[in-house]
Amino acid sequence: MLLIFPIFRIFFVREFYGRIFKVNHHTLIPRPDTELMVDIAIEIIHTNNSIKTIVDIGTGSGCLAITLALAEPKIKVIATDISPAAIKLAQKNSIQYKLNGHIKFFQGNLLTPIIKKLPSALSNNLVIANLPYLRKNEIDDNLLFEPVSALDGGSDGLKYYRELIKQIADLPSATRPKILLIELHPPTHEQVLKLLKTELINSSIEIKTDLANLPRVAVIQL
């Protein structure tokens, strides 16, 4: 079988929100659709003076955390990823943009390292997450050059949504974030909404659409 190696994998870089980020075999390739998360997060920060920290879950290359740190230098940024190799690359990208020390990186699953080491960072703040959300049968050869762990959301695509939503639901009210932003996979967005409504009973949920008018980001007021 002849494999065509993508150009961004030859040079190991990708553009996101007007900036160049290093990528590798341990990180998801940043997509233009995810840039909507940046726009929404900035709008939230500008309309909520109480938010002092952004927590980026599943940071990968660090493109979201770094872009927001550059856009909002007064806001603290924390980023987590389960992959040590991804954390190492995200740190390199942050140094490239002279943010070493400005972003705190933690290796671990979803919110777990924050809950264990810095739970106060969640309280009344903003959590953003672009989680693996593809269903197993959606992972094909076109995605061969990306790590399965950054794509595979289990048989129904909801594995990591369930874990993160449960982590937040189980938090004491004093350490709950104020707002949760999650990127959606349009084919499964209704199932995610059902999860949110079941687990985060008193929250309000707004769906933001992308340029193709597809449901792309859920904004959850907790």
C-alpha atoms as a PDB file:
ATOM      1  CA  MET A   1       0.000   0.000   0.000  1.00  0.00           C
ATOM      2  CA  LEU A   2       1.328   3.419  -0.960  1.00  0.00           C
ATOM      3  CA  LEU A   3       1.061   5.947   1.864  1.00  0.00           C
ATOM      4  CA  ILE A   4       0.965   9.645   1.091  1.00  0.00           C
ATOM      5  CA  PHE A   5       2.651  11.454   3.962  1.00  0.00           C
ATOM      6  CA  PRO A   6       0.837  14.721   4.840  1.00  0.00           C
ATOM      7  CA  ILE A   7       2.935  17.859   4.306  1.00  0.00           C
ATOM      8  CA  PHE A   8       2.496  18.964   7.929  1.00  0.00           C
ATOM      9  CA  ARG A   9       3.901  15.618   9.061  1.00  0.00           C
ATOM     10  CA  ILE A  10       6.980  16.119   6.910  1.00  0.00           C
ATOM     11  CA  PHE A  11       7.776  19.453   8.548  1.00  0.00           C
ATOM     12  CA  PHE A  12       6.037  18.660  11.874  1.00  0.00           C
ATOM     13  CA  VAL A  13       4.295  22.033  12.122  1.00  0.00           C
ATOM     14  CA  ARG A  14       0.705  23.231  11.845  1.00  0.00           C
ATOM     15  CA  GLU A  15      -0.907  26.667  11.735  1.00  0.00           C
ATOM     16  CA  PHE A  16      -3.564  27.477  14.336  1.00  0.00           C
ATOM     17  CA  TYR A  17      -5.187  30.858  14.922  1.00  0.00           C
ATOM     18  CA  GLY A  18      -2.498  32.564  12.845  1.00  0.00           C
ATOM     19  CA  ARG A  19       0.450  30.958  14.651  1.00  0.00           C
ATOM     20  CA  ILE A  20       2.705  28.013  13.909  1.00  0.00           C
ATOM     21  CA  PHE A  21       2.813  25.092  16.348  1.00  0.00           C
ATOM     22  CA  LYS A  22       5.064  22.069  16.423  1.00  0.00           C
ATOM     23  CA  VAL A  23       3.221  18.744  16.195  1.00  0.00           C
ATOM     24  CA  ASN A  24       4.380  15.142  16.359  1.00  0.00           C
ATOM     25  CA  HIS A  25       3.123  11.558  16.447  1.00  0.00           C
ATOM     26  CA  HIS A  26       1.880  12.033  20.018  1.00  0.00           C
ATOM     27  CA  THR A  27      -0.475  14.960  19.352  1.00  0.00           C
ATOM     28  CA  LEU A  28      -3.674  15.675  17.494  1.00  0.00           C
ATOM     29  CA  ILE A  29      -3.302  17.943  14.477  1.00  0.00           C
ATOM     30  CA  PRO A  30      -5.029  21.265  15.349  1.00  0.00           C
ATOM     31  CA  ARG A  31      -8.133  21.846  13.218  1.00  0.00           C
ATOM     32  CA  PRO A  32      -9.600  25.181  12.077  1.00  0.00           C
ATOM     33  CA  ASP A  33     -12.926  24.189  13.700  1.00  0.00           C
ATOM     34  CA  THR A  34     -11.251  24.330  17.108  1.00  0.00           C
ATOM     35  CA  GLU A  35     -10.449  28.035  16.646  1.00  0.00           C
ATOM     36  CA  LEU A  36     -14.077  28.717  17.593  1.00  0.00           C
ATOM     37  CA  MET A  37     -13.147  27.603  21.123  1.00  0.00           C
ATOM     38  CA  VAL A  38     -10.638  30.464  21.316  1.00  0.00           C
ATOM     39  CA  ASP A  39     -13.178  33.060  20.194  1.00  0.00           C
ATOM     40  CA  ILE A  40     -15.753  31.873  22.720  1.00  0.00           C
ATOM     41  CA  ALA A  41     -13.242  31.657  25.581  1.00  0.00           C
ATOM     42  CA  ILE A  42     -12.041  35.224  24.951  1.00  0.00           C
ATOM     43  CA  GLU A  43     -15.628  36.484  24.884  1.00  0.00           C
ATOM     44  CA  ILE A  44     -16.354  34.697  28.174  1.00  0.00           C
ATOM     45  CA  ILE A  45     -13.290  36.218  29.838  1.00  0.00           C
ATOM     46  CA  HIS A  46     -14.258  39.705  28.701  1.00  0.00           C
ATOM     47  CA  THR A  47     -17.777  39.337  30.124  1.00  0.00           C
ATOM     48  CA  ASN A  48     -16.849  37.554  33.386  1.00  0.00           C
ATOM     49  CA  ASN A  49     -14.434  39.543  35.514  1.00  0.00           C
ATOM     50  CA  SER A  50     -14.395  36.823  38.174  1.00  0.00           C
ATOM     51  CA  ILE A  51     -12.588  34.357  35.891  1.00  0.00           C
ATOM     52  CA  LYS A  52      -8.867  34.441  36.660  1.00  0.00           C
ATOM     53  CA  THR A  53      -7.731  31.038  35.374  1.00  0.00           C
ATOM     54  CA  ILE A  54      -8.257  28.882  32.285  1.00  0.00           C
ATOM     55  CA  VAL A  55      -7.774  25.123  32.600  1.00  0.00           C
ATOM     56  CA  ASP A  56      -7.167  23.355  29.270  1.00  0.00           C
ATOM     57  CA  ILE A  57      -7.923  19.629  29.430  1.00  0.00           C
ATOM     58  CA  GLY A  58      -6.213  17.362  26.893  1.00  0.00           C
ATOM     59  CA  THR A  59      -3.899  20.102  25.693  1.00  0.00           C
ATOM     60  CA  GLY A  60      -2.016  18.053  23.060  1.00  0.00           C
ATOM     61  CA  SER A  61       0.280  20.465  21.212  1.00  0.00           C
ATOM     62  CA  GLY A  62      -0.809  23.227  23.596  1.00  0.00           C
ATOM     63  CA  CYS A  63      -2.376  25.288  20.804  1.00  0.00           C
ATOM     64  CA  LEU A  64      -5.466  26.295  22.809  1.00  0.00           C
ATOM     65  CA  ALA A  65      -3.641  27.049  26.056  1.00  0.00           C
ATOM     66  CA  ILE A  66      -0.887  29.011  24.314  1.00  0.00           C
ATOM     67  CA  THR A  67      -3.238  30.979  22.058  1.00  0.00           C
ATOM     68  CA  LEU A  68      -5.359  32.007  25.041  1.00  0.00           C
ATOM     69  CA  ALA A  69      -2.312  32.861  27.163  1.00  0.00           C
ATOM     70  CA  LEU A  70      -1.089  35.176  24.404  1.00  0.00           C
ATOM     71  CA  ALA A  71      -4.527  36.725  23.900  1.00  0.00           C
ATOM     72  CA  GLU A  72      -5.198  37.229  27.623  1.00  0.00           C
ATOM     73  CA  PRO A  73      -1.827  37.685  29.387  1.00  0.00           C
ATOM     74  CA  LYS A  74      -3.447  38.619  32.727  1.00  0.00           C
ATOM     75  CA  ILE A  75      -5.236  35.275  32.926  1.00  0.00           C
ATOM     76  CA  LYS A  76      -3.462  32.265  34.454  1.00  0.00           C
ATOM     77  CA  VAL A  77      -3.404  29.171  32.257  1.00  0.00           C
ATOM     78  CA  ILE A  78      -3.102  25.539  33.321  1.00  0.00           C
ATOM     79  CA  ALA A  79      -2.938  22.623  30.878  1.00  0.00           C
ATOM     80  CA  THR A  80      -3.187  18.857  31.328  1.00  0.00           C
ATOM     81  CA  ASP A  81      -2.644  15.837  29.116  1.00  0.00           C
ATOM     82  CA  ILE A  82      -2.408  12.136  29.835  1.00  0.00           C
ATOM     83  CA  SER A  83       0.534  11.781  27.433  1.00  0.00           C
ATOM     84  CA  PRO A  84       3.965  12.758  28.818  1.00  0.00           C
ATOM     85  CA  ALA A  85       5.202  13.195  25.233  1.00  0.00           C
ATOM     86  CA  ALA A  86       2.362  15.608  24.457  1.00  0.00           C
ATOM     87  CA  ILE A  87       3.117  17.637  27.591  1.00  0.00           C
ATOM     88  CA  LYS A  88       6.777  17.831  26.582  1.00  0.00           C
ATOM     89  CA  LEU A  89       5.845  19.140  23.130  1.00  0.00           C
ATOM     90  CA  ALA A  90       3.327  21.639  24.531  1.00  0.00           C
ATOM     91  CA  GLN A  91       6.055  22.982  26.815  1.00  0.00           C
ATOM     92  CA  LYS A  92       8.355  23.407  23.798  1.00  0.00           C
ATOM     93  CA  ASN A  93       5.624  25.304  21.964  1.00  0.00           C
ATOM     94  CA  SER A  94       5.090  27.556  24.976  1.00  0.00           C
ATOM     95  CA  ILE A  95       8.814  28.354  25.102  1.00  0.00           C
ATOM     96  CA  GLN A  96       8.699  29.201  21.397  1.00  0.00           C
ATOM     97  CA  TYR A  97       6.185  31.941  22.265  1.00  0.00           C
ATOM     98  CA  LYS A  98       8.111  33.040  25.374  1.00  0.00           C
ATOM     99  CA  LEU A  99       5.459  31.682  27.731  1.00  0.00           C
ATOM    100  CA  ASN A 100       7.708  29.371  29.734  1.00  0.00           C
ATOM    101  CA  GLY A 101       6.561  29.746  33.317  1.00  0.00           C
ATOM    102  CA  HIS A 102       3.283  31.440  32.374  1.00  0.00           C
ATOM    103  CA  ILE A 103       1.478  28.157  31.670  1.00  0.00           C
ATOM    104  CA  LYS A 104       1.519  25.364  34.254  1.00  0.00           C
ATOM    105  CA  PHE A 105       1.558  21.901  32.686  1.00  0.00           C
ATOM    106  CA  PHE A 106       0.393  18.751  34.484  1.00  0.00           C
ATOM    107  CA  GLN A 107       0.560  15.191  33.202  1.00  0.00           C
ATOM    108  CA  GLY A 108      -2.489  13.117  34.029  1.00  0.00           C
ATOM    109  CA  ASN A 109      -5.981  12.059  33.015  1.00  0.00           C
ATOM    110  CA  LEU A 110      -8.414  14.932  32.426  1.00  0.00           C
ATOM    111  CA  LEU A 111      -8.958  16.897  35.673  1.00  0.00           C
ATOM    112  CA  THR A 112      -7.238  14.354  37.936  1.00  0.00           C
ATOM    113  CA  PRO A 113      -3.877  16.158  38.362  1.00  0.00           C
ATOM    114  CA  ILE A 114      -5.654  19.469  39.040  1.00  0.00           C
ATOM    115  CA  ILE A 115      -7.992  17.915  41.600  1.00  0.00           C
ATOM    116  CA  LYS A 116      -5.007  16.332  43.370  1.00  0.00           C
ATOM    117  CA  LYS A 117      -2.527  19.207  43.214  1.00  0.00           C
ATOM    118  CA  LEU A 118      -4.355  22.490  42.636  1.00  0.00           C
ATOM    119  CA  PRO A 119      -8.142  22.187  43.151  1.00  0.00           C
ATOM    120  CA  SER A 120      -8.509  25.899  43.898  1.00  0.00           C
ATOM    121  CA  ALA A 121      -7.586  26.614  40.258  1.00  0.00           C
ATOM    122  CA  LEU A 122     -10.958  25.223  39.195  1.00  0.00           C
ATOM    123  CA  SER A 123     -13.105  27.297  41.532  1.00  0.00           C
ATOM    124  CA  ASN A 124     -15.254  29.843  39.667  1.00  0.00           C
ATOM    125  CA  ASN A 125     -12.982  29.643  36.622  1.00  0.00           C
ATOM    126  CA  LEU A 126     -13.093  28.430  32.999  1.00  0.00           C
ATOM    127  CA  VAL A 127     -12.413  24.849  31.920  1.00  0.00           C
ATOM    128  CA  ILE A 128     -11.987  24.077  28.214  1.00  0.00           C
ATOM    129  CA  ALA A 129     -11.683  20.628  26.653  1.00  0.00           C
ATOM    130  CA  ASN A 130     -11.187  19.269  23.158  1.00  0.00           C
ATOM    131  CA  LEU A 131     -11.395  15.565  23.916  1.00  0.00           C
ATOM    132  CA  PRO A 132     -11.038  12.456  21.720  1.00  0.00           C
ATOM    133  CA  TYR A 133     -14.555  12.107  20.322  1.00  0.00           C
ATOM    134  CA  LEU A 134     -14.504   9.880  17.245  1.00  0.00           C
ATOM    135  CA  ARG A 135     -16.366   6.583  17.355  1.00  0.00           C
ATOM    136  CA  LYS A 136     -14.160   3.558  16.696  1.00  0.00           C
ATOM    137  CA  ASN A 137     -15.739   2.954  13.291  1.00  0.00           C
ATOM    138  CA  GLU A 138     -14.895   6.530  12.235  1.00  0.00           C
ATOM    139  CA  ILE A 139     -11.131   6.084  12.571  1.00  0.00           C
ATOM    140  CA  ASP A 140      -9.789   5.243   9.116  1.00  0.00           C
ATOM    141  CA  ASP A 141      -6.589   5.449   7.060  1.00  0.00           C
ATOM    142  CA  ASN A 142      -7.032   9.192   6.522  1.00  0.00           C
ATOM    143  CA  LEU A 143      -6.177   9.585  10.216  1.00  0.00           C
ATOM    144  CA  LEU A 144      -3.255   7.160  10.108  1.00  0.00           C
ATOM    145  CA  PHE A 145      -0.649   9.772  11.014  1.00  0.00           C
ATOM    146  CA  GLU A 146      -2.328  10.866  14.253  1.00  0.00           C
ATOM    147  CA  PRO A 147      -2.246   8.994  17.569  1.00  0.00           C
ATOM    148  CA  VAL A 148      -5.319   6.833  18.094  1.00  0.00           C
ATOM    149  CA  SER A 149      -5.362   7.921  21.748  1.00  0.00           C
ATOM    150  CA  ALA A 150      -6.054  11.518  20.648  1.00  0.00           C
ATOM    151  CA  LEU A 151      -8.939  10.462  18.400  1.00  0.00           C
ATOM    152  CA  ASP A 152     -10.654   7.410  19.877  1.00  0.00           C
ATOM    153  CA  GLY A 153     -13.629   8.220  22.076  1.00  0.00           C
ATOM    154  CA  GLY A 154     -14.676   4.593  22.448  1.00  0.00           C
ATOM    155  CA  SER A 155     -17.429   2.680  20.680  1.00  0.00           C
ATOM    156  CA  ASP A 156     -19.915   5.567  20.936  1.00  0.00           C
ATOM    157  CA  GLY A 157     -17.423   8.457  21.016  1.00  0.00           C
ATOM    158  CA  LEU A 158     -18.522   9.506  24.504  1.00  0.00           C
ATOM    159  CA  LYS A 159     -15.934   7.828  26.754  1.00  0.00           C
ATOM    160  CA  TYR A 160     -14.019  10.970  27.722  1.00  0.00           C
ATOM    161  CA  TYR A 161     -17.090  13.187  27.868  1.00  0.00           C
ATOM    162  CA  ARG A 162     -18.513  10.790  30.467  1.00  0.00           C
ATOM    163  CA  GLU A 163     -15.312  10.843  32.507  1.00  0.00           C
ATOM    164  CA  LEU A 164     -14.900  14.621  32.484  1.00  0.00           C
ATOM    165  CA  ILE A 165     -18.560  15.373  33.164  1.00  0.00           C
ATOM    166  CA  LYS A 166     -18.553  12.921  36.088  1.00  0.00           C
ATOM    167  CA  GLN A 167     -15.376  14.493  37.489  1.00  0.00           C
ATOM    168  CA  ILE A 168     -17.047  17.906  37.440  1.00  0.00           C
ATOM    169  CA  ALA A 169     -20.326  16.584  38.853  1.00  0.00           C
ATOM    170  CA  ASP A 170     -18.421  15.016  41.769  1.00  0.00           C
ATOM    171  CA  LEU A 171     -16.556  18.215  42.672  1.00  0.00           C
ATOM    172  CA  PRO A 172     -17.587  20.032  45.863  1.00  0.00           C
ATOM    173  CA  SER A 173     -19.551  23.161  44.976  1.00  0.00           C
ATOM    174  CA  ALA A 174     -16.723  25.344  46.326  1.00  0.00           C
ATOM    175  CA  THR A 175     -14.266  24.018  43.733  1.00  0.00           C
ATOM    176  CA  ARG A 176     -16.549  23.759  40.722  1.00  0.00           C
ATOM    177  CA  PRO A 177     -15.604  25.803  37.661  1.00  0.00           C
ATOM    178  CA  LYS A 178     -17.916  28.600  36.604  1.00  0.00           C
ATOM    179  CA  ILE A 179     -18.033  27.656  32.915  1.00  0.00           C
ATOM    180  CA  LEU A 180     -17.133  24.540  30.938  1.00  0.00           C
ATOM    181  CA  LEU A 181     -16.409  24.693  27.193  1.00  0.00           C
ATOM    182  CA  ILE A 182     -16.249  21.438  25.266  1.00  0.00           C
ATOM    183  CA  GLU A 183     -15.756  20.844  21.572  1.00  0.00           C
ATOM    184  CA  LEU A 184     -18.463  18.663  20.065  1.00  0.00           C
ATOM    185  CA  HIS A 185     -18.508  16.048  17.332  1.00  0.00           C
ATOM    186  CA  PRO A 186     -21.659  17.024  15.394  1.00  0.00           C
ATOM    187  CA  PRO A 187     -22.891  13.425  14.843  1.00  0.00           C
ATOM    188  CA  THR A 188     -22.900  12.740  18.608  1.00  0.00           C
ATOM    189  CA  HIS A 189     -23.715  16.181  20.020  1.00  0.00           C
ATOM    190  CA  GLU A 190     -27.239  15.198  21.103  1.00  0.00           C
ATOM    191  CA  GLN A 191     -25.891  12.327  23.195  1.00  0.00           C
ATOM    192  CA  VAL A 192     -23.416  14.714  24.848  1.00  0.00           C
ATOM    193  CA  LEU A 193     -26.245  17.128  25.625  1.00  0.00           C
ATOM    194  CA  LYS A 194     -28.185  14.300  27.239  1.00  0.00           C
ATOM    195  CA  LEU A 195     -25.157  13.455  29.389  1.00  0.00           C
ATOM    196  CA  LEU A 196     -24.751  17.079  30.451  1.00  0.00           C
ATOM    197  CA  LYS A 197     -28.414  17.448  31.371  1.00  0.00           C
ATOM    198  CA  THR A 198     -28.371  14.194  33.342  1.00  0.00           C
ATOM    199  CA  GLU A 199     -25.138  14.757  35.287  1.00  0.00           C
ATOM    200  CA  LEU A 200     -25.013  18.562  35.639  1.00  0.00           C
ATOM    201  CA  ILE A 201     -28.637  19.063  36.560  1.00  0.00           C
ATOM    202  CA  ASN A 202     -28.656  22.765  37.432  1.00  0.00           C
ATOM    203  CA  SER A 203     -26.433  23.910  34.586  1.00  0.00           C
ATOM    204  CA  SER A 204     -27.471  25.950  31.565  1.00  0.00           C
ATOM    205  CA  ILE A 205     -26.218  24.837  28.163  1.00  0.00           C
ATOM    206  CA  GLU A 206     -25.744  26.794  24.953  1.00  0.00           C
ATOM    207  CA  ILE A 207     -24.606  25.290  21.657  1.00  0.00           C
ATOM    208  CA  LYS A 208     -22.405  27.328  19.318  1.00  0.00           C
ATOM    209  CA  THR A 209     -22.232  26.432  15.632  1.00  0.00           C
ATOM    210  CA  ASP A 210     -19.204  26.570  13.350  1.00  0.00           C
ATOM    211  CA  LEU A 211     -18.868  28.170   9.900  1.00  0.00           C
ATOM    212  CA  ALA A 212     -20.662  25.190   8.362  1.00  0.00           C
ATOM    213  CA  ASN A 213     -23.551  25.761  10.801  1.00  0.00           C
ATOM    214  CA  LEU A 214     -22.787  22.501  12.603  1.00  0.00           C
ATOM    215  CA  PRO A 215     -22.982  22.172  16.413  1.00  0.00           C
ATOM    216  CA  ARG A 216     -19.350  22.576  17.439  1.00  0.00           C
ATOM    217  CA  VAL A 217     -18.996  23.902  21.005  1.00  0.00           C
ATOM    218  CA  ALA A 218     -21.088  23.484  24.145  1.00  0.00           C
ATOM    219  CA  VAL A 219     -20.963  26.344  26.658  1.00  0.00           C
ATOM    220  CA  ILE A 220     -22.043  25.071  30.069  1.00  0.00           C
ATOM    221  CA  GLN A 221     -22.729  27.509  32.903  1.00  0.00           C
ATOM    222  CA  LEU A 222     -22.296  25.547  36.121  1.00  0.00           C
END
